[in-house]
């Protein structure tokens, strides 16, 4: 099944951190990631494109209750995105 967001909505795959440094995170902390990659964008989105890495608020979006391709994904409005991150070499 392929989902296609409508309007200004995006589908974001949350980045799940297993550990920070030498500390292994408990399961609850893994689900609270505030960073993700944009998988799909709606036709009215202007600021993000597929493949962008973004930051979003803790209570942003709707958890998609699906497995497979959309496991750990959120459906959110483009306005819920706080910023895009640029991964440059050497950082």
PDB file of N, CA and C in Angstrom:
ATOM      1  N   UNK A   1       0.843  -1.172   0.000  1.00  0.00           N
ATOM      2  CA  UNK A   1       0.000   0.000   0.000  1.00  0.00           C
ATOM      3  C   UNK A   1       0.891   1.239   0.000  1.00  0.00           C
ATOM      4  N   UNK A   2       0.575   2.190  -0.851  1.00  0.00           N
ATOM      5  CA  UNK A   2       1.310   3.438  -0.942  1.00  0.00           C
ATOM      6  C   UNK A   2       0.384   4.580  -0.540  1.00  0.00           C
ATOM      7  N   UNK A   3       0.802   5.361   0.450  1.00  0.00           N
ATOM      8  CA  UNK A   3       0.007   6.493   0.902  1.00  0.00           C
ATOM      9  C   UNK A   3       0.437   7.748   0.158  1.00  0.00           C
ATOM     10  N   UNK A   4      -0.528   8.571  -0.190  1.00  0.00           N
ATOM     11  CA  UNK A   4      -0.257   9.844  -0.861  1.00  0.00           C
ATOM     12  C   UNK A   4      -0.889  10.953  -0.027  1.00  0.00           C
ATOM     13  N   UNK A   5      -0.072  11.777   0.650  1.00  0.00           N
ATOM     14  CA  UNK A   5      -0.631  12.841   1.484  1.00  0.00           C
ATOM     15  C   UNK A   5      -1.310  13.903   0.631  1.00  0.00           C
ATOM     16  N   UNK A   6      -2.345  14.497   1.183  1.00  0.00           N
ATOM     17  CA  UNK A   6      -3.113  15.532   0.488  1.00  0.00           C
ATOM     18  C   UNK A   6      -2.773  16.902   1.057  1.00  0.00           C
ATOM     19  N   UNK A   7      -2.962  17.934   0.250  1.00  0.00           N
ATOM     20  CA  UNK A   7      -2.763  19.305   0.713  1.00  0.00           C
ATOM     21  C   UNK A   7      -1.344  19.574   1.150  1.00  0.00           C
ATOM     22  N   UNK A   8      -1.221  20.185   2.329  1.00  0.00           N
ATOM     23  CA  UNK A   8       0.084  20.551   2.884  1.00  0.00           C
ATOM     24  C   UNK A   8       0.577  19.520   3.903  1.00  0.00           C
ATOM     25  N   UNK A   9       0.288  18.267   3.675  1.00  0.00           N
ATOM     26  CA  UNK A   9       0.710  17.221   4.614  1.00  0.00           C
ATOM     27  C   UNK A   9       1.938  16.494   4.083  1.00  0.00           C
ATOM     28  N   UNK A  10       2.719  15.974   5.023  1.00  0.00           N
ATOM     29  CA  UNK A  10       3.914  15.202   4.672  1.00  0.00           C
ATOM     30  C   UNK A  10       3.935  13.919   5.497  1.00  0.00           C
ATOM     31  N   UNK A  11       4.587  12.899   4.972  1.00  0.00           N
ATOM     32  CA  UNK A  11       4.834  11.668   5.721  1.00  0.00           C
ATOM     33  C   UNK A  11       6.311  11.641   6.062  1.00  0.00           C
ATOM     34  N   UNK A  12       6.601  11.475   7.350  1.00  0.00           N
ATOM     35  CA  UNK A  12       7.965  11.550   7.858  1.00  0.00           C
ATOM     36  C   UNK A  12       8.330  10.243   8.550  1.00  0.00           C
ATOM     37  N   UNK A  13       9.491   9.696   8.228  1.00  0.00           N
ATOM     38  CA  UNK A  13      10.033   8.505   8.899  1.00  0.00           C
ATOM     39  C   UNK A  13      10.884   9.002  10.056  1.00  0.00           C
ATOM     40  N   UNK A  14      10.466   8.688  11.301  1.00  0.00           N
ATOM     41  CA  UNK A  14      11.213   9.119  12.479  1.00  0.00           C
ATOM     42  C   UNK A  14      12.552   8.396  12.554  1.00  0.00           C
ATOM     43  N   UNK A  15      13.597   9.138  12.927  1.00  0.00           N
ATOM     44  CA  UNK A  15      14.887   8.515  13.176  1.00  0.00           C
ATOM     45  C   UNK A  15      14.865   7.981  14.603  1.00  0.00           C
ATOM     46  N   UNK A  16      15.138   6.700  14.744  1.00  0.00           N
ATOM     47  CA  UNK A  16      15.123   6.068  16.055  1.00  0.00           C
ATOM     48  C   UNK A  16      16.560   5.877  16.517  1.00  0.00           C
ATOM     49  N   UNK A  17      16.905   6.502  17.646  1.00  0.00           N
ATOM     50  CA  UNK A  17      18.231   6.359  18.211  1.00  0.00           C
ATOM     51  C   UNK A  17      18.230   5.192  19.183  1.00  0.00           C
ATOM     52  N   UNK A  18      19.148   4.273  18.982  1.00  0.00           N
ATOM     53  CA  UNK A  18      19.277   3.130  19.884  1.00  0.00           C
ATOM     54  C   UNK A  18      20.062   3.493  21.139  1.00  0.00           C
ATOM     55  N   UNK A  19      21.070   4.374  20.984  1.00  0.00           N
ATOM     56  CA  UNK A  19      21.860   4.777  22.143  1.00  0.00           C
ATOM     57  C   UNK A  19      22.452   6.155  21.909  1.00  0.00           C
ATOM     58  N   UNK A  20      22.801   6.800  23.007  1.00  0.00           N
ATOM     59  CA  UNK A  20      23.479   8.083  22.985  1.00  0.00           C
ATOM     60  C   UNK A  20      24.817   7.872  23.660  1.00  0.00           C
ATOM     61  N   UNK A  21      25.877   7.971  22.896  1.00  0.00           N
ATOM     62  CA  UNK A  21      27.195   7.668  23.447  1.00  0.00           C
ATOM     63  C   UNK A  21      27.254   6.208  23.838  1.00  0.00           C
ATOM     64  N   UNK A  22      27.539   5.936  25.094  1.00  0.00           N
ATOM     65  CA  UNK A  22      27.583   4.565  25.592  1.00  0.00           C
ATOM     66  C   UNK A  22      26.301   4.153  26.301  1.00  0.00           C
ATOM     67  N   UNK A  23      25.343   5.061  26.386  1.00  0.00           N
ATOM     68  CA  UNK A  23      24.094   4.798  27.098  1.00  0.00           C
ATOM     69  C   UNK A  23      23.069   4.215  26.134  1.00  0.00           C
ATOM     70  N   UNK A  24      22.548   3.036  26.437  1.00  0.00           N
ATOM     71  CA  UNK A  24      21.492   2.417  25.640  1.00  0.00           C
ATOM     72  C   UNK A  24      20.157   2.976  26.116  1.00  0.00           C
ATOM     73  N   UNK A  25      19.403   3.518  25.191  1.00  0.00           N
ATOM     74  CA  UNK A  25      18.131   4.159  25.535  1.00  0.00           C
ATOM     75  C   UNK A  25      17.024   3.139  25.772  1.00  0.00           C
ATOM     76  N   UNK A  26      16.147   3.392  26.756  1.00  0.00           N
ATOM     77  CA  UNK A  26      14.977   2.528  26.939  1.00  0.00           C
ATOM     78  C   UNK A  26      13.989   2.712  25.796  1.00  0.00           C
ATOM     79  N   UNK A  27      13.077   1.789  25.634  1.00  0.00           N
ATOM     80  CA  UNK A  27      12.133   1.789  24.515  1.00  0.00           C
ATOM     81  C   UNK A  27      11.312   3.088  24.440  1.00  0.00           C
ATOM     82  N   UNK A  28      10.902   3.637  25.592  1.00  0.00           N
ATOM     83  CA  UNK A  28      10.114   4.874  25.601  1.00  0.00           C
ATOM     84  C   UNK A  28      10.894   6.046  25.011  1.00  0.00           C
ATOM     85  N   UNK A  29      12.157   6.144  25.328  1.00  0.00           N
ATOM     86  CA  UNK A  29      12.981   7.249  24.826  1.00  0.00           C
ATOM     87  C   UNK A  29      13.234   7.130  23.330  1.00  0.00           C
ATOM     88  N   UNK A  30      13.284   5.909  22.812  1.00  0.00           N
ATOM     89  CA  UNK A  30      13.523   5.712  21.383  1.00  0.00           C
ATOM     90  C   UNK A  30      12.385   6.284  20.551  1.00  0.00           C
ATOM     91  N   UNK A  31      11.172   6.215  21.050  1.00  0.00           N
ATOM     92  CA  UNK A  31       9.990   6.666  20.313  1.00  0.00           C
ATOM     93  C   UNK A  31       9.837   8.183  20.319  1.00  0.00           C
ATOM     94  N   UNK A  32      10.634   8.903  21.126  1.00  0.00           N
ATOM     95  CA  UNK A  32      10.466  10.342  21.262  1.00  0.00           C
ATOM     96  C   UNK A  32      11.416  11.132  20.376  1.00  0.00           C
ATOM     97  N   UNK A  33      11.883  10.541  19.309  1.00  0.00           N
ATOM     98  CA  UNK A  33      12.775  11.230  18.390  1.00  0.00           C
ATOM     99  C   UNK A  33      12.064  12.425  17.771  1.00  0.00           C
ATOM    100  N   UNK A  34      12.766  13.532  17.648  1.00  0.00           N
ATOM    101  CA  UNK A  34      12.192  14.749  17.084  1.00  0.00           C
ATOM    102  C   UNK A  34      12.814  15.082  15.735  1.00  0.00           C
ATOM    103  N   UNK A  35      13.426  14.077  15.116  1.00  0.00           N
ATOM    104  CA  UNK A  35      14.068  14.251  13.822  1.00  0.00           C
ATOM    105  C   UNK A  35      13.609  13.151  12.896  1.00  0.00           C
ATOM    106  N   UNK A  36      13.519  13.445  11.610  1.00  0.00           N
ATOM    107  CA  UNK A  36      13.091  12.428  10.667  1.00  0.00           C
ATOM    108  C   UNK A  36      13.386  12.814   9.227  1.00  0.00           C
ATOM    109  N   UNK A  37      13.089  11.880   8.338  1.00  0.00           N
ATOM    110  CA  UNK A  37      13.298  12.087   6.905  1.00  0.00           C
ATOM    111  C   UNK A  37      11.950  12.131   6.203  1.00  0.00           C
ATOM    112  N   UNK A  38      11.780  13.071   5.303  1.00  0.00           N
ATOM    113  CA  UNK A  38      10.532  13.226   4.556  1.00  0.00           C
ATOM    114  C   UNK A  38      10.442  12.123   3.500  1.00  0.00           C
ATOM    115  N   UNK A  39       9.372  11.311   3.565  1.00  0.00           N
ATOM    116  CA  UNK A  39       9.165  10.229   2.599  1.00  0.00           C
ATOM    117  C   UNK A  39       8.253  10.641   1.455  1.00  0.00           C
ATOM    118  N   UNK A  40       7.173  11.368   1.767  1.00  0.00           N
ATOM    119  CA  UNK A  40       6.198  11.792   0.764  1.00  0.00           C
ATOM    120  C   UNK A  40       5.737  13.202   1.107  1.00  0.00           C
ATOM    121  N   UNK A  41       5.426  13.989   0.096  1.00  0.00           N
ATOM    122  CA  UNK A  41       4.896  15.342   0.316  1.00  0.00           C
ATOM    123  C   UNK A  41       3.603  15.517  -0.467  1.00  0.00           C
ATOM    124  N   UNK A  42       2.717  16.330   0.087  1.00  0.00           N
ATOM    125  CA  UNK A  42       1.464  16.630  -0.591  1.00  0.00           C
ATOM    126  C   UNK A  42       1.676  17.642  -1.709  1.00  0.00           C
ATOM    127  N   UNK A  43       0.691  17.820  -2.565  1.00  0.00           N
ATOM    128  CA  UNK A  43       0.831  18.708  -3.727  1.00  0.00           C
ATOM    129  C   UNK A  43       0.966  20.188  -3.372  1.00  0.00           C
ATOM    130  N   UNK A  44       0.546  20.598  -2.183  1.00  0.00           N
ATOM    131  CA  UNK A  44       0.610  22.010  -1.798  1.00  0.00           C
ATOM    132  C   UNK A  44       1.810  22.358  -0.932  1.00  0.00           C
ATOM    133  N   UNK A  45       2.742  21.431  -0.739  1.00  0.00           N
ATOM    134  CA  UNK A  45       3.940  21.693   0.063  1.00  0.00           C
ATOM    135  C   UNK A  45       4.960  22.464  -0.765  1.00  0.00           C
ATOM    136  N   UNK A  46       5.535  23.490  -0.143  1.00  0.00           N
ATOM    137  CA  UNK A  46       6.474  24.341  -0.870  1.00  0.00           C
ATOM    138  C   UNK A  46       7.868  24.367  -0.242  1.00  0.00           C
ATOM    139  N   UNK A  47       7.987  24.061   1.049  1.00  0.00           N
ATOM    140  CA  UNK A  47       9.260  24.246   1.741  1.00  0.00           C
ATOM    141  C   UNK A  47      10.090  22.976   1.892  1.00  0.00           C
ATOM    142  N   UNK A  48       9.486  21.816   1.771  1.00  0.00           N
ATOM    143  CA  UNK A  48      10.236  20.566   1.923  1.00  0.00           C
ATOM    144  C   UNK A  48      10.044  19.692   0.691  1.00  0.00           C
ATOM    145  N   UNK A  49      11.036  18.837   0.465  1.00  0.00           N
ATOM    146  CA  UNK A  49      10.969  17.878  -0.630  1.00  0.00           C
ATOM    147  C   UNK A  49      11.326  16.502  -0.081  1.00  0.00           C
ATOM    148  N   UNK A  50      11.039  15.479  -0.841  1.00  0.00           N
ATOM    149  CA  UNK A  50      11.361  14.113  -0.439  1.00  0.00           C
ATOM    150  C   UNK A  50      12.862  13.994  -0.202  1.00  0.00           C
ATOM    151  N   UNK A  51      13.222  13.398   0.927  1.00  0.00           N
ATOM    152  CA  UNK A  51      14.625  13.199   1.272  1.00  0.00           C
ATOM    153  C   UNK A  51      15.182  14.209   2.251  1.00  0.00           C
ATOM    154  N   UNK A  52      14.459  15.310   2.503  1.00  0.00           N
ATOM    155  CA  UNK A  52      14.914  16.302   3.481  1.00  0.00           C
ATOM    156  C   UNK A  52      14.912  15.698   4.880  1.00  0.00           C
ATOM    157  N   UNK A  53      15.897  16.082   5.683  1.00  0.00           N
ATOM    158  CA  UNK A  53      15.913  15.731   7.096  1.00  0.00           C
ATOM    159  C   UNK A  53      15.366  16.935   7.847  1.00  0.00           C
ATOM    160  N   UNK A  54      14.384  16.693   8.720  1.00  0.00           N
ATOM    161  CA  UNK A  54      13.681  17.795   9.379  1.00  0.00           C
ATOM    162  C   UNK A  54      13.658  17.593  10.891  1.00  0.00           C
ATOM    163  N   UNK A  55      13.372  18.678  11.596  1.00  0.00           N
ATOM    164  CA  UNK A  55      13.096  18.651  13.027  1.00  0.00           C
ATOM    165  C   UNK A  55      11.655  19.077  13.231  1.00  0.00           C
ATOM    166  N   UNK A  56      10.982  18.447  14.192  1.00  0.00           N
ATOM    167  CA  UNK A  56       9.571  18.759  14.452  1.00  0.00           C
ATOM    168  C   UNK A  56       9.319  18.699  15.942  1.00  0.00           C
ATOM    169  N   UNK A  57       8.196  19.255  16.383  1.00  0.00           N
ATOM    170  CA  UNK A  57       7.846  19.311  17.795  1.00  0.00           C
ATOM    171  C   UNK A  57       7.454  17.958  18.364  1.00  0.00           C
ATOM    172  N   UNK A  58       7.517  17.853  19.667  1.00  0.00           N
ATOM    173  CA  UNK A  58       7.239  16.598  20.369  1.00  0.00           C
ATOM    174  C   UNK A  58       5.836  16.066  20.104  1.00  0.00           C
ATOM    175  N   UNK A  59       4.850  16.939  20.013  1.00  0.00           N
ATOM    176  CA  UNK A  59       3.466  16.511  19.835  1.00  0.00           C
ATOM    177  C   UNK A  59       2.972  16.711  18.404  1.00  0.00           C
ATOM    178  N   UNK A  60       3.886  16.847  17.468  1.00  0.00           N
ATOM    179  CA  UNK A  60       3.513  17.059  16.065  1.00  0.00           C
ATOM    180  C   UNK A  60       3.133  15.753  15.399  1.00  0.00           C
ATOM    181  N   UNK A  61       2.195  15.833  14.509  1.00  0.00           N
ATOM    182  CA  UNK A  61       1.869  14.694  13.660  1.00  0.00           C
ATOM    183  C   UNK A  61       0.994  13.638  14.294  1.00  0.00           C
ATOM    184  N   UNK A  62       0.672  12.671  13.460  1.00  0.00           N
ATOM    185  CA  UNK A  62      -0.190  11.548  13.805  1.00  0.00           C
ATOM    186  C   UNK A  62       0.573  10.271  13.490  1.00  0.00           C
ATOM    187  N   UNK A  63       0.763   9.399  14.490  1.00  0.00           N
ATOM    188  CA  UNK A  63       1.441   8.121  14.262  1.00  0.00           C
ATOM    189  C   UNK A  63       0.622   7.260  13.317  1.00  0.00           C
ATOM    190  N   UNK A  64       1.236   6.805  12.248  1.00  0.00           N
ATOM    191  CA  UNK A  64       0.545   5.926  11.308  1.00  0.00           C
ATOM    192  C   UNK A  64       0.495   4.510  11.880  1.00  0.00           C
ATOM    193  N   UNK A  65      -0.692   3.958  12.047  1.00  0.00           N
ATOM    194  CA  UNK A  65      -0.825   2.628  12.668  1.00  0.00           C
ATOM    195  C   UNK A  65      -0.606   1.511  11.651  1.00  0.00           C
ATOM    196  N   UNK A  66       0.463   1.607  10.875  1.00  0.00           N
ATOM    197  CA  UNK A  66       0.736   0.629   9.836  1.00  0.00           C
ATOM    198  C   UNK A  66       2.120   0.019  10.036  1.00  0.00           C
ATOM    199  N   UNK A  67       2.299  -1.181   9.563  1.00  0.00           N
ATOM    200  CA  UNK A  67       3.603  -1.838   9.617  1.00  0.00           C
ATOM    201  C   UNK A  67       4.228  -1.801   8.229  1.00  0.00           C
ATOM    202  N   UNK A  68       5.381  -2.385   8.108  1.00  0.00           N
ATOM    203  CA  UNK A  68       6.054  -2.425   6.812  1.00  0.00           C
ATOM    204  C   UNK A  68       6.711  -1.099   6.501  1.00  0.00           C
ATOM    205  N   UNK A  69       6.412  -0.562   5.332  1.00  0.00           N
ATOM    206  CA  UNK A  69       7.038   0.672   4.848  1.00  0.00           C
ATOM    207  C   UNK A  69       6.782   1.856   5.784  1.00  0.00           C
ATOM    208  N   UNK A  70       5.645   1.900   6.452  1.00  0.00           N
ATOM    209  CA  UNK A  70       5.269   3.062   7.252  1.00  0.00           C
ATOM    210  C   UNK A  70       5.413   2.845   8.756  1.00  0.00           C
ATOM    211  N   UNK A  71       6.195   1.859   9.154  1.00  0.00           N
ATOM    212  CA  UNK A  71       6.461   1.654  10.586  1.00  0.00           C
ATOM    213  C   UNK A  71       7.297   2.838  11.092  1.00  0.00           C
ATOM    214  N   UNK A  72       6.966   3.372  12.225  1.00  0.00           N
ATOM    215  CA  UNK A  72       7.629   4.529  12.832  1.00  0.00           C
ATOM    216  C   UNK A  72       7.521   5.782  11.969  1.00  0.00           C
ATOM    217  N   UNK A  73       6.391   5.961  11.282  1.00  0.00           N
ATOM    218  CA  UNK A  73       6.173   7.139  10.445  1.00  0.00           C
ATOM    219  C   UNK A  73       5.080   8.024  11.034  1.00  0.00           C
ATOM    220  N   UNK A  74       5.152   9.302  10.708  1.00  0.00           N
ATOM    221  CA  UNK A  74       4.161  10.286  11.123  1.00  0.00           C
ATOM    222  C   UNK A  74       3.545  10.942   9.900  1.00  0.00           C
ATOM    223  N   UNK A  75       2.273  11.294  10.007  1.00  0.00           N
ATOM    224  CA  UNK A  75       1.603  12.140   9.022  1.00  0.00           C
ATOM    225  C   UNK A  75       1.415  13.481   9.709  1.00  0.00           C
ATOM    226  N   UNK A  76       1.977  14.546   9.123  1.00  0.00           N
ATOM    227  CA  UNK A  76       1.901  15.852   9.772  1.00  0.00           C
ATOM    228  C   UNK A  76       1.691  16.956   8.747  1.00  0.00           C
ATOM    229  N   UNK A  77       1.238  18.087   9.237  1.00  0.00           N
ATOM    230  CA  UNK A  77       1.115  19.267   8.395  1.00  0.00           C
ATOM    231  C   UNK A  77       2.497  19.858   8.170  1.00  0.00           C
ATOM    232  N   UNK A  78       2.680  20.473   7.028  1.00  0.00           N
ATOM    233  CA  UNK A  78       3.967  21.116   6.742  1.00  0.00           C
ATOM    234  C   UNK A  78       4.265  22.200   7.779  1.00  0.00           C
ATOM    235  N   UNK A  79       3.252  22.830   8.312  1.00  0.00           N
ATOM    236  CA  UNK A  79       3.446  23.893   9.306  1.00  0.00           C
ATOM    237  C   UNK A  79       3.977  23.365  10.638  1.00  0.00           C
ATOM    238  N   UNK A  80       3.895  22.041  10.881  1.00  0.00           N
ATOM    239  CA  UNK A  80       4.441  21.445  12.104  1.00  0.00           C
ATOM    240  C   UNK A  80       5.956  21.266  12.042  1.00  0.00           C
ATOM    241  N   UNK A  81       6.533  21.431  10.865  1.00  0.00           N
ATOM    242  CA  UNK A  81       7.978  21.267  10.701  1.00  0.00           C
ATOM    243  C   UNK A  81       8.670  22.530  11.191  1.00  0.00           C
ATOM    244  N   UNK A  82       9.634  22.360  12.102  1.00  0.00           N
ATOM    245  CA  UNK A  82      10.329  23.506  12.683  1.00  0.00           C
ATOM    246  C   UNK A  82      11.483  23.978  11.810  1.00  0.00           C
ATOM    247  N   UNK A  83      12.253  23.042  11.255  1.00  0.00           N
ATOM    248  CA  UNK A  83      13.367  23.416  10.391  1.00  0.00           C
ATOM    249  C   UNK A  83      13.881  22.211   9.632  1.00  0.00           C
ATOM    250  N   UNK A  84      14.665  22.493   8.592  1.00  0.00           N
ATOM    251  CA  UNK A  84      15.367  21.455   7.842  1.00  0.00           C
ATOM    252  C   UNK A  84      16.812  21.471   8.314  1.00  0.00           C
ATOM    253  N   UNK A  85      17.459  20.327   8.288  1.00  0.00           N
ATOM    254  CA  UNK A  85      18.867  20.271   8.666  1.00  0.00           C
ATOM    255  C   UNK A  85      19.701  20.033   7.428  1.00  0.00           C
ATOM    256  N   UNK A  86      20.860  20.663   7.388  1.00  0.00           N
ATOM    257  CA  UNK A  86      21.798  20.465   6.300  1.00  0.00           C
ATOM    258  C   UNK A  86      22.969  19.662   6.822  1.00  0.00           C
ATOM    259  N   UNK A  87      23.183  18.508   6.240  1.00  0.00           N
ATOM    260  CA  UNK A  87      24.304  17.681   6.642  1.00  0.00           C
ATOM    261  C   UNK A  87      25.489  18.031   5.745  1.00  0.00           C
ATOM    262  N   UNK A  88      26.420  18.782   6.304  1.00  0.00           N
ATOM    263  CA  UNK A  88      27.598  19.145   5.533  1.00  0.00           C
ATOM    264  C   UNK A  88      28.780  18.304   5.984  1.00  0.00           C
ATOM    265  N   UNK A  89      29.727  18.149   5.115  1.00  0.00           N
ATOM    266  CA  UNK A  89      30.886  17.315   5.414  1.00  0.00           C
ATOM    267  C   UNK A  89      31.709  17.923   6.526  1.00  0.00           C
ATOM    268  N   UNK A  90      32.173  17.094   7.441  1.00  0.00           N
ATOM    269  CA  UNK A  90      33.033  17.544   8.532  1.00  0.00           C
ATOM    270  C   UNK A  90      32.301  17.950   9.785  1.00  0.00           C
ATOM    271  N   UNK A  91      31.004  17.790   9.837  1.00  0.00           N
ATOM    272  CA  UNK A  91      30.260  18.152  11.058  1.00  0.00           C
ATOM    273  C   UNK A  91      29.772  16.933  11.761  1.00  0.00           C
TER     274      UNK A  91
END
